[in-house]
mmCIF file of all heavy atoms, coordinates in Angstrom:
data_MODEL
# 
_entry.id   MODEL 
# 
loop_
_atom_site.group_PDB 
_atom_site.id 
_atom_site.type_symbol 
_atom_site.label_atom_id 
_atom_site.label_alt_id 
_atom_site.label_comp_id 
_atom_site.label_asym_id 
_atom_site.label_entity_id 
_atom_site.label_seq_id 
_atom_site.pdbx_PDB_ins_code 
_atom_site.Cartn_x 
_atom_site.Cartn_y 
_atom_site.Cartn_z 
_atom_site.occupancy 
_atom_site.B_iso_or_equiv 
_atom_site.pdbx_formal_charge 
_atom_site.auth_seq_id 
_atom_site.auth_comp_id 
_atom_site.auth_asym_id 
_atom_site.auth_atom_id 
_atom_site.pdbx_PDB_model_num 
ATOM 1   N N   . ALA A 1 1  ? -315.548 57.183 199.757 1.00 0.00 ? 1  ALA A N   1 
ATOM 2   C CA  . ALA A 1 1  ? -315.918 57.174 198.345 1.00 0.00 ? 1  ALA A CA  1 
ATOM 3   C C   . ALA A 1 1  ? -317.028 58.192 198.081 1.00 0.00 ? 1  ALA A C   1 
ATOM 4   O O   . ALA A 1 1  ? -317.935 58.351 198.879 1.00 0.00 ? 1  ALA A O   1 
ATOM 5   C CB  . ALA A 1 1  ? -316.385 55.788 197.934 1.00 0.00 ? 1  ALA A CB  1 
ATOM 6   N N   . PHE A 1 2  ? -316.927 58.872 196.955 1.00 0.00 ? 2  PHE A N   1 
ATOM 7   C CA  . PHE A 1 2  ? -317.950 59.834 196.557 1.00 0.00 ? 2  PHE A CA  1 
ATOM 8   C C   . PHE A 1 2  ? -318.715 59.328 195.344 1.00 0.00 ? 2  PHE A C   1 
ATOM 9   O O   . PHE A 1 2  ? -319.502 60.041 194.764 1.00 0.00 ? 2  PHE A O   1 
ATOM 10  C CB  . PHE A 1 2  ? -317.317 61.195 196.258 1.00 0.00 ? 2  PHE A CB  1 
ATOM 11  C CG  . PHE A 1 2  ? -316.725 61.818 197.487 1.00 0.00 ? 2  PHE A CG  1 
ATOM 12  C CD1 . PHE A 1 2  ? -315.361 61.790 197.695 1.00 0.00 ? 2  PHE A CD1 1 
ATOM 13  C CD2 . PHE A 1 2  ? -317.531 62.408 198.439 1.00 0.00 ? 2  PHE A CD2 1 
ATOM 14  C CE1 . PHE A 1 2  ? -314.809 62.362 198.823 1.00 0.00 ? 2  PHE A CE1 1 
ATOM 15  C CE2 . PHE A 1 2  ? -316.990 62.983 199.576 1.00 0.00 ? 2  PHE A CE2 1 
ATOM 16  C CZ  . PHE A 1 2  ? -315.622 62.954 199.766 1.00 0.00 ? 2  PHE A CZ  1 
ATOM 17  N N   . ASN A 1 3  ? -318.457 58.096 194.927 1.00 0.00 ? 3  ASN A N   1 
ATOM 18  C CA  . ASN A 1 3  ? -319.123 57.454 193.796 1.00 0.00 ? 3  ASN A CA  1 
ATOM 19  C C   . ASN A 1 3  ? -318.880 58.148 192.469 1.00 0.00 ? 3  ASN A C   1 
ATOM 20  O O   . ASN A 1 3  ? -319.656 57.989 191.546 1.00 0.00 ? 3  ASN A O   1 
ATOM 21  C CB  . ASN A 1 3  ? -320.623 57.293 194.055 1.00 0.00 ? 3  ASN A CB  1 
ATOM 22  C CG  . ASN A 1 3  ? -320.880 56.380 195.228 1.00 0.00 ? 3  ASN A CG  1 
ATOM 23  O OD1 . ASN A 1 3  ? -320.201 55.378 195.398 1.00 0.00 ? 3  ASN A OD1 1 
ATOM 24  N ND2 . ASN A 1 3  ? -321.838 56.722 196.051 1.00 0.00 ? 3  ASN A ND2 1 
ATOM 25  N N   . ALA A 1 4  ? -317.816 58.912 192.338 1.00 0.00 ? 4  ALA A N   1 
ATOM 26  C CA  . ALA A 1 4  ? -317.434 59.494 191.053 1.00 0.00 ? 4  ALA A CA  1 
ATOM 27  C C   . ALA A 1 4  ? -316.477 58.523 190.372 1.00 0.00 ? 4  ALA A C   1 
ATOM 28  O O   . ALA A 1 4  ? -315.566 57.989 190.995 1.00 0.00 ? 4  ALA A O   1 
ATOM 29  C CB  . ALA A 1 4  ? -316.757 60.843 191.249 1.00 0.00 ? 4  ALA A CB  1 
ATOM 30  N N   . THR A 1 5  ? -316.712 58.295 189.096 1.00 0.00 ? 5  THR A N   1 
ATOM 31  C CA  . THR A 1 5  ? -315.855 57.381 188.349 1.00 0.00 ? 5  THR A CA  1 
ATOM 32  C C   . THR A 1 5  ? -314.777 58.149 187.597 1.00 0.00 ? 5  THR A C   1 
ATOM 33  O O   . THR A 1 5  ? -314.826 59.384 187.485 1.00 0.00 ? 5  THR A O   1 
ATOM 34  C CB  . THR A 1 5  ? -316.680 56.571 187.335 1.00 0.00 ? 5  THR A CB  1 
ATOM 35  O OG1 . THR A 1 5  ? -317.202 57.480 186.351 1.00 0.00 ? 5  THR A OG1 1 
ATOM 36  C CG2 . THR A 1 5  ? -317.809 55.797 188.011 1.00 0.00 ? 5  THR A CG2 1 
ATOM 37  N N   . ALA A 1 6  ? -313.843 57.400 187.046 1.00 0.00 ? 6  ALA A N   1 
ATOM 38  C CA  . ALA A 1 6  ? -312.809 58.010 186.203 1.00 0.00 ? 6  ALA A CA  1 
ATOM 39  C C   . ALA A 1 6  ? -313.454 58.705 185.007 1.00 0.00 ? 6  ALA A C   1 
ATOM 40  O O   . ALA A 1 6  ? -312.993 59.768 184.581 1.00 0.00 ? 6  ALA A O   1 
ATOM 41  C CB  . ALA A 1 6  ? -311.806 56.956 185.758 1.00 0.00 ? 6  ALA A CB  1 
ATOM 42  N N   . LEU A 1 7  ? -314.538 58.145 184.482 1.00 0.00 ? 7  LEU A N   1 
ATOM 43  C CA  . LEU A 1 7  ? -315.233 58.778 183.360 1.00 0.00 ? 7  LEU A CA  1 
ATOM 44  C C   . LEU A 1 7  ? -315.858 60.102 183.790 1.00 0.00 ? 7  LEU A C   1 
ATOM 45  O O   . LEU A 1 7  ? -315.813 61.084 183.051 1.00 0.00 ? 7  LEU A O   1 
ATOM 46  C CB  . LEU A 1 7  ? -316.293 57.851 182.781 1.00 0.00 ? 7  LEU A CB  1 
ATOM 47  C CG  . LEU A 1 7  ? -317.025 58.373 181.551 1.00 0.00 ? 7  LEU A CG  1 
ATOM 48  C CD1 . LEU A 1 7  ? -316.057 58.670 180.406 1.00 0.00 ? 7  LEU A CD1 1 
ATOM 49  C CD2 . LEU A 1 7  ? -318.085 57.380 181.108 1.00 0.00 ? 7  LEU A CD2 1 
ATOM 50  N N   . ASP A 1 8  ? -316.428 60.155 184.985 1.00 0.00 ? 8  ASP A N   1 
ATOM 51  C CA  . ASP A 1 8  ? -316.970 61.420 185.502 1.00 0.00 ? 8  ASP A CA  1 
ATOM 52  C C   . ASP A 1 8  ? -315.877 62.486 185.540 1.00 0.00 ? 8  ASP A C   1 
ATOM 53  O O   . ASP A 1 8  ? -316.099 63.634 185.148 1.00 0.00 ? 8  ASP A O   1 
ATOM 54  C CB  . ASP A 1 8  ? -317.551 61.238 186.908 1.00 0.00 ? 8  ASP A CB  1 
ATOM 55  C CG  . ASP A 1 8  ? -318.784 60.359 186.945 1.00 0.00 ? 8  ASP A CG  1 
ATOM 56  O OD1 . ASP A 1 8  ? -319.552 60.349 185.972 1.00 0.00 ? 8  ASP A OD1 1 
ATOM 57  O OD2 . ASP A 1 8  ? -318.965 59.670 187.976 1.00 0.00 ? 8  ASP A OD2 1 
ATOM 58  N N   . LEU A 1 9  ? -314.695 62.103 186.015 1.00 0.00 ? 9  LEU A N   1 
ATOM 59  C CA  . LEU A 1 9  ? -313.583 63.047 186.081 1.00 0.00 ? 9  LEU A CA  1 
ATOM 60  C C   . LEU A 1 9  ? -313.162 63.480 184.684 1.00 0.00 ? 9  LEU A C   1 
ATOM 61  O O   . LEU A 1 9  ? -312.911 64.666 184.452 1.00 0.00 ? 9  LEU A O   1 
ATOM 62  C CB  . LEU A 1 9  ? -312.396 62.426 186.816 1.00 0.00 ? 9  LEU A CB  1 
ATOM 63  C CG  . LEU A 1 9  ? -311.138 63.295 186.860 1.00 0.00 ? 9  LEU A CG  1 
ATOM 64  C CD1 . LEU A 1 9  ? -311.387 64.603 187.606 1.00 0.00 ? 9  LEU A CD1 1 
ATOM 65  C CD2 . LEU A 1 9  ? -309.987 62.523 187.489 1.00 0.00 ? 9  LEU A CD2 1 
ATOM 66  N N   . ALA A 1 10 ? -313.104 62.540 183.750 1.00 0.00 ? 10 ALA A N   1 
ATOM 67  C CA  . ALA A 1 10 ? -312.713 62.878 182.378 1.00 0.00 ? 10 ALA A CA  1 
ATOM 68  C C   . ALA A 1 10 ? -313.641 63.942 181.797 1.00 0.00 ? 10 ALA A C   1 
ATOM 69  O O   . ALA A 1 10 ? -313.185 64.917 181.196 1.00 0.00 ? 10 ALA A O   1 
ATOM 70  C CB  . ALA A 1 10 ? -312.728 61.619 181.504 1.00 0.00 ? 10 ALA A CB  1 
ATOM 71  N N   . TYR A 1 11 ? -314.948 63.774 181.979 1.00 0.00 ? 11 TYR A N   1 
ATOM 72  C CA  . TYR A 1 11 ? -315.901 64.775 181.484 1.00 0.00 ? 11 TYR A CA  1 
ATOM 73  C C   . TYR A 1 11 ? -315.814 66.077 182.269 1.00 0.00 ? 11 TYR A C   1 
ATOM 74  O O   . TYR A 1 11 ? -316.066 67.150 181.721 1.00 0.00 ? 11 TYR A O   1 
ATOM 75  C CB  . TYR A 1 11 ? -317.332 64.229 181.490 1.00 0.00 ? 11 TYR A CB  1 
ATOM 76  C CG  . TYR A 1 11 ? -317.656 63.449 180.245 1.00 0.00 ? 11 TYR A CG  1 
ATOM 77  C CD1 . TYR A 1 11 ? -317.818 62.073 180.290 1.00 0.00 ? 11 TYR A CD1 1 
ATOM 78  C CD2 . TYR A 1 11 ? -317.791 64.089 179.016 1.00 0.00 ? 11 TYR A CD2 1 
ATOM 79  C CE1 . TYR A 1 11 ? -318.116 61.353 179.138 1.00 0.00 ? 11 TYR A CE1 1 
ATOM 80  C CE2 . TYR A 1 11 ? -318.086 63.384 177.864 1.00 0.00 ? 11 TYR A CE2 1 
ATOM 81  C CZ  . TYR A 1 11 ? -318.247 62.018 177.927 1.00 0.00 ? 11 TYR A CZ  1 
ATOM 82  O OH  . TYR A 1 11 ? -318.532 61.317 176.783 1.00 0.00 ? 11 TYR A OH  1 
ATOM 83  N N   . GLN A 1 12 ? -315.469 66.016 183.529 1.00 0.00 ? 12 GLN A N   1 
ATOM 84  C CA  . GLN A 1 12 ? -315.313 67.232 184.338 1.00 0.00 ? 12 GLN A CA  1 
ATOM 85  C C   . GLN A 1 12 ? -314.145 68.068 183.811 1.00 0.00 ? 12 GLN A C   1 
ATOM 86  O O   . GLN A 1 12 ? -314.215 69.300 183.807 1.00 0.00 ? 12 GLN A O   1 
ATOM 87  C CB  . GLN A 1 12 ? -315.077 66.863 185.807 1.00 0.00 ? 12 GLN A CB  1 
ATOM 88  C CG  . GLN A 1 12 ? -314.988 68.041 186.734 1.00 0.00 ? 12 GLN A CG  1 
ATOM 89  C CD  . GLN A 1 12 ? -316.319 68.741 186.943 1.00 0.00 ? 12 GLN A CD  1 
ATOM 90  O OE1 . GLN A 1 12 ? -317.372 68.143 186.812 1.00 0.00 ? 12 GLN A OE1 1 
ATOM 91  N NE2 . GLN A 1 12 ? -316.273 70.007 187.254 1.00 0.00 ? 12 GLN A NE2 1 
ATOM 92  N N   . ILE A 1 13 ? -313.099 67.389 183.349 1.00 0.00 ? 13 ILE A N   1 
ATOM 93  C CA  . ILE A 1 13 ? -311.932 68.100 182.805 1.00 0.00 ? 13 ILE A CA  1 
ATOM 94  C C   . ILE A 1 13 ? -312.299 68.767 181.485 1.00 0.00 ? 13 ILE A C   1 
ATOM 95  O O   . ILE A 1 13 ? -312.068 69.957 181.292 1.00 0.00 ? 13 ILE A O   1 
ATOM 96  C CB  . ILE A 1 13 ? -310.751 67.129 182.618 1.00 0.00 ? 13 ILE A CB  1 
ATOM 97  C CG1 . ILE A 1 13 ? -310.288 66.599 183.982 1.00 0.00 ? 13 ILE A CG1 1 
ATOM 98  C CG2 . ILE A 1 13 ? -309.603 67.810 181.881 1.00 0.00 ? 13 ILE A CG2 1 
ATOM 99  C CD1 . ILE A 1 13 ? -309.349 65.419 183.903 1.00 0.00 ? 13 ILE A CD1 1 
ATOM 100 N N   . HIS A 1 14 ? -312.861 67.984 180.560 1.00 0.00 ? 14 HIS A N   1 
ATOM 101 C CA  . HIS A 1 14 ? -313.250 68.524 179.246 1.00 0.00 ? 14 HIS A CA  1 
ATOM 102 C C   . HIS A 1 14 ? -314.073 67.481 178.510 1.00 0.00 ? 14 HIS A C   1 
ATOM 103 O O   . HIS A 1 14 ? -313.767 66.291 178.559 1.00 0.00 ? 14 HIS A O   1 
ATOM 104 C CB  . HIS A 1 14 ? -312.005 68.870 178.422 1.00 0.00 ? 14 HIS A CB  1 
ATOM 105 C CG  . HIS A 1 14 ? -312.300 69.725 177.236 1.00 0.00 ? 14 HIS A CG  1 
ATOM 106 N ND1 . HIS A 1 14 ? -312.807 69.220 176.071 1.00 0.00 ? 14 HIS A ND1 1 
ATOM 107 C CD2 . HIS A 1 14 ? -312.144 71.056 177.049 1.00 0.00 ? 14 HIS A CD2 1 
ATOM 108 C CE1 . HIS A 1 14 ? -312.960 70.199 175.203 1.00 0.00 ? 14 HIS A CE1 1 
ATOM 109 N NE2 . HIS A 1 14 ? -312.567 71.336 175.770 1.00 0.00 ? 14 HIS A NE2 1 
ATOM 110 N N   . THR A 1 15 ? -315.106 67.928 177.815 1.00 0.00 ? 15 THR A N   1 
ATOM 111 C CA  . THR A 1 15 ? -315.984 67.016 177.092 1.00 0.00 ? 15 THR A CA  1 
ATOM 112 C C   . THR A 1 15 ? -315.204 66.143 176.115 1.00 0.00 ? 15 THR A C   1 
ATOM 113 O O   . THR A 1 15 ? -315.457 64.943 175.991 1.00 0.00 ? 15 THR A O   1 
ATOM 114 C CB  . THR A 1 15 ? -317.069 67.810 176.322 1.00 0.00 ? 15 THR A CB  1 
ATOM 115 O OG1 . THR A 1 15 ? -317.772 68.610 177.256 1.00 0.00 ? 15 THR A OG1 1 
ATOM 116 C CG2 . THR A 1 15 ? -318.032 66.880 175.612 1.00 0.00 ? 15 THR A CG2 1 
ATOM 117 N N   . ASN A 1 16 ? -314.237 66.718 175.413 1.00 0.00 ? 16 ASN A N   1 
ATOM 118 C CA  . ASN A 1 16 ? -313.458 65.968 174.435 1.00 0.00 ? 16 ASN A CA  1 
ATOM 119 C C   . ASN A 1 16 ? -312.668 64.834 175.101 1.00 0.00 ? 16 ASN A C   1 
ATOM 120 O O   . ASN A 1 16 ? -312.517 63.761 174.527 1.00 0.00 ? 16 ASN A O   1 
ATOM 121 C CB  . ASN A 1 16 ? -312.518 66.907 173.678 1.00 0.00 ? 16 ASN A CB  1 
ATOM 122 C CG  . ASN A 1 16 ? -311.970 66.284 172.422 1.00 0.00 ? 16 ASN A CG  1 
ATOM 123 O OD1 . ASN A 1 16 ? -312.680 65.587 171.700 1.00 0.00 ? 16 ASN A OD1 1 
ATOM 124 N ND2 . ASN A 1 16 ? -310.709 66.528 172.162 1.00 0.00 ? 16 ASN A ND2 1 
ATOM 125 N N   . ILE A 1 17 ? -312.189 65.058 176.305 1.00 0.00 ? 17 ILE A N   1 
ATOM 126 C CA  . ILE A 1 17 ? -311.463 64.004 177.030 1.00 0.00 ? 17 ILE A CA  1 
ATOM 127 C C   . ILE A 1 17 ? -312.430 62.889 177.414 1.00 0.00 ? 17 ILE A C   1 
ATOM 128 O O   . ILE A 1 17 ? -312.141 61.711 177.233 1.00 0.00 ? 17 ILE A O   1 
ATOM 129 C CB  . ILE A 1 17 ? -310.729 64.578 178.253 1.00 0.00 ? 17 ILE A CB  1 
ATOM 130 C CG1 . ILE A 1 17 ? -309.610 65.524 177.788 1.00 0.00 ? 17 ILE A CG1 1 
ATOM 131 C CG2 . ILE A 1 17 ? -310.167 63.459 179.134 1.00 0.00 ? 17 ILE A CG2 1 
ATOM 132 C CD1 . ILE A 1 17 ? -308.921 66.265 178.880 1.00 0.00 ? 17 ILE A CD1 1 
ATOM 133 N N   . GLY A 1 18 ? -313.591 63.249 177.918 1.00 0.00 ? 18 GLY A N   1 
ATOM 134 C CA  . GLY A 1 18 ? -314.587 62.245 178.265 1.00 0.00 ? 18 GLY A CA  1 
ATOM 135 C C   . GLY A 1 18 ? -315.044 61.441 177.067 1.00 0.00 ? 18 GLY A C   1 
ATOM 136 O O   . GLY A 1 18 ? -315.237 60.230 177.142 1.00 0.00 ? 18 GLY A O   1 
ATOM 137 N N   . ASP A 1 19 ? -315.202 62.123 175.928 1.00 0.00 ? 19 ASP A N   1 
ATOM 138 C CA  . ASP A 1 19 ? -315.651 61.451 174.716 1.00 0.00 ? 19 ASP A CA  1 
ATOM 139 C C   . ASP A 1 19 ? -314.663 60.392 174.219 1.00 0.00 ? 19 ASP A C   1 
ATOM 140 O O   . ASP A 1 19 ? -315.051 59.454 173.531 1.00 0.00 ? 19 ASP A O   1 
ATOM 141 C CB  . ASP A 1 19 ? -315.888 62.464 173.589 1.00 0.00 ? 19 ASP A CB  1 
ATOM 142 C CG  . ASP A 1 19 ? -317.169 63.256 173.754 1.00 0.00 ? 19 ASP A CG  1 
ATOM 143 O OD1 . ASP A 1 19 ? -317.993 62.904 174.636 1.00 0.00 ? 19 ASP A OD1 1 
ATOM 144 O OD2 . ASP A 1 19 ? -317.343 64.233 173.000 1.00 0.00 ? 19 ASP A OD2 1 
ATOM 145 N N   . HIS A 1 20 ? -313.393 60.548 174.542 1.00 0.00 ? 20 HIS A N   1 
ATOM 146 C CA  . HIS A 1 20 ? -312.363 59.634 174.040 1.00 0.00 ? 20 HIS A CA  1 
ATOM 147 C C   . HIS A 1 20 ? -311.682 58.819 175.145 1.00 0.00 ? 20 HIS A C   1 
ATOM 148 O O   . HIS A 1 20 ? -310.687 58.142 174.888 1.00 0.00 ? 20 HIS A O   1 
ATOM 149 C CB  . HIS A 1 20 ? -311.323 60.422 173.246 1.00 0.00 ? 20 HIS A CB  1 
ATOM 150 C CG  . HIS A 1 20 ? -311.898 61.108 172.049 1.00 0.00 ? 20 HIS A CG  1 
ATOM 151 N ND1 . HIS A 1 20 ? -312.210 60.441 170.888 1.00 0.00 ? 20 HIS A ND1 1 
ATOM 152 C CD2 . HIS A 1 20 ? -312.273 62.395 171.842 1.00 0.00 ? 20 HIS A CD2 1 
ATOM 153 C CE1 . HIS A 1 20 ? -312.729 61.289 170.018 1.00 0.00 ? 20 HIS A CE1 1 
ATOM 154 N NE2 . HIS A 1 20 ? -312.781 62.487 170.582 1.00 0.00 ? 20 HIS A NE2 1 
ATOM 155 N N   . ALA A 1 21 ? -312.210 58.867 176.356 1.00 0.00 ? 21 ALA A N   1 
ATOM 156 C CA  . ALA A 1 21 ? -311.602 58.152 177.480 1.00 0.00 ? 21 ALA A CA  1 
ATOM 157 C C   . ALA A 1 21 ? -311.760 56.638 177.323 1.00 0.00 ? 21 ALA A C   1 
ATOM 158 O O   . ALA A 1 21 ? -312.821 56.151 176.954 1.00 0.00 ? 21 ALA A O   1 
ATOM 159 C CB  . ALA A 1 21 ? -312.234 58.609 178.791 1.00 0.00 ? 21 ALA A CB  1 
ATOM 160 N N   . VAL A 1 22 ? -310.689 55.915 177.612 1.00 0.00 ? 22 VAL A N   1 
ATOM 161 C CA  . VAL A 1 22 ? -310.720 54.448 177.528 1.00 0.00 ? 22 VAL A CA  1 
ATOM 162 C C   . VAL A 1 22 ? -310.346 53.777 178.846 1.00 0.00 ? 22 VAL A C   1 
ATOM 163 O O   . VAL A 1 22 ? -310.517 52.590 179.007 1.00 0.00 ? 22 VAL A O   1 
ATOM 164 C CB  . VAL A 1 22 ? -309.791 53.919 176.412 1.00 0.00 ? 22 VAL A CB  1 
ATOM 165 C CG1 . VAL A 1 22 ? -310.303 54.346 175.053 1.00 0.00 ? 22 VAL A CG1 1 
ATOM 166 C CG2 . VAL A 1 22 ? -308.356 54.363 176.625 1.00 0.00 ? 22 VAL A CG2 1 
ATOM 167 N N   . GLY A 1 23 ? -309.828 54.539 179.766 1.00 0.00 ? 23 GLY A N   1 
ATOM 168 C CA  . GLY A 1 23 ? -309.404 53.991 181.051 1.00 0.00 ? 23 GLY A CA  1 
ATOM 169 C C   . GLY A 1 23 ? -308.678 55.066 181.831 1.00 0.00 ? 23 GLY A C   1 
ATOM 170 O O   . GLY A 1 23 ? -308.691 56.241 181.464 1.00 0.00 ? 23 GLY A O   1 
ATOM 171 N N   . ALA A 1 24 ? -308.026 54.643 182.899 1.00 0.00 ? 24 ALA A N   1 
ATOM 172 C CA  . ALA A 1 24 ? -307.276 55.593 183.725 1.00 0.00 ? 24 ALA A CA  1 
ATOM 173 C C   . ALA A 1 24 ? -306.093 54.884 184.355 1.00 0.00 ? 24 ALA A C   1 
ATOM 174 O O   . ALA A 1 24 ? -306.080 53.665 184.521 1.00 0.00 ? 24 ALA A O   1 
ATOM 175 C CB  . ALA A 1 24 ? -308.164 56.188 184.805 1.00 0.00 ? 24 ALA A CB  1 
ATOM 176 N N   . ARG A 1 25 ? -305.111 55.658 184.685 1.00 0.00 ? 25 ARG A N   1 
ATOM 177 C CA  . ARG A 1 25 ? -303.968 55.174 185.459 1.00 0.00 ? 25 ARG A CA  1 
ATOM 178 C C   . ARG A 1 25 ? -304.041 55.921 186.785 1.00 0.00 ? 25 ARG A C   1 
ATOM 179 O O   . ARG A 1 25 ? -304.150 57.155 186.791 1.00 0.00 ? 25 ARG A O   1 
ATOM 180 C CB  . ARG A 1 25 ? -302.673 55.491 184.724 1.00 0.00 ? 25 ARG A CB  1 
ATOM 181 C CG  . ARG A 1 25 ? -301.444 54.903 185.352 1.00 0.00 ? 25 ARG A CG  1 
ATOM 182 C CD  . ARG A 1 25 ? -300.198 55.106 184.489 1.00 0.00 ? 25 ARG A CD  1 
ATOM 183 N NE  . ARG A 1 25 ? -300.322 54.373 183.240 1.00 0.00 ? 25 ARG A NE  1 
ATOM 184 C CZ  . ARG A 1 25 ? -300.210 54.925 182.029 1.00 0.00 ? 25 ARG A CZ  1 
ATOM 185 N NH1 . ARG A 1 25 ? -299.968 56.205 181.897 1.00 0.00 ? 25 ARG A NH1 1 
ATOM 186 N NH2 . ARG A 1 25 ? -300.333 54.192 180.943 1.00 0.00 ? 25 ARG A NH2 1 
ATOM 187 N N   . ILE A 1 26 ? -304.056 55.188 187.881 1.00 0.00 ? 26 ILE A N   1 
ATOM 188 C CA  . ILE A 1 26 ? -304.148 55.839 189.187 1.00 0.00 ? 26 ILE A CA  1 
ATOM 189 C C   . ILE A 1 26 ? -302.934 55.521 190.033 1.00 0.00 ? 26 ILE A C   1 
ATOM 190 O O   . ILE A 1 26 ? -302.298 54.471 189.874 1.00 0.00 ? 26 ILE A O   1 
ATOM 191 C CB  . ILE A 1 26 ? -305.424 55.433 189.961 1.00 0.00 ? 26 ILE A CB  1 
ATOM 192 C CG1 . ILE A 1 26 ? -305.433 53.947 190.274 1.00 0.00 ? 26 ILE A CG1 1 
ATOM 193 C CG2 . ILE A 1 26 ? -306.669 55.847 189.226 1.00 0.00 ? 26 ILE A CG2 1 
ATOM 194 C CD1 . ILE A 1 26 ? -306.339 53.588 191.410 1.00 0.00 ? 26 ILE A CD1 1 
# 
């Protein structure tokens, strides 16, 4: 584990994605 969350990844992709993220499918 690197302690990065799905929200961290969403913001890494694009700020707009992070701003509207509600969950993830893995």
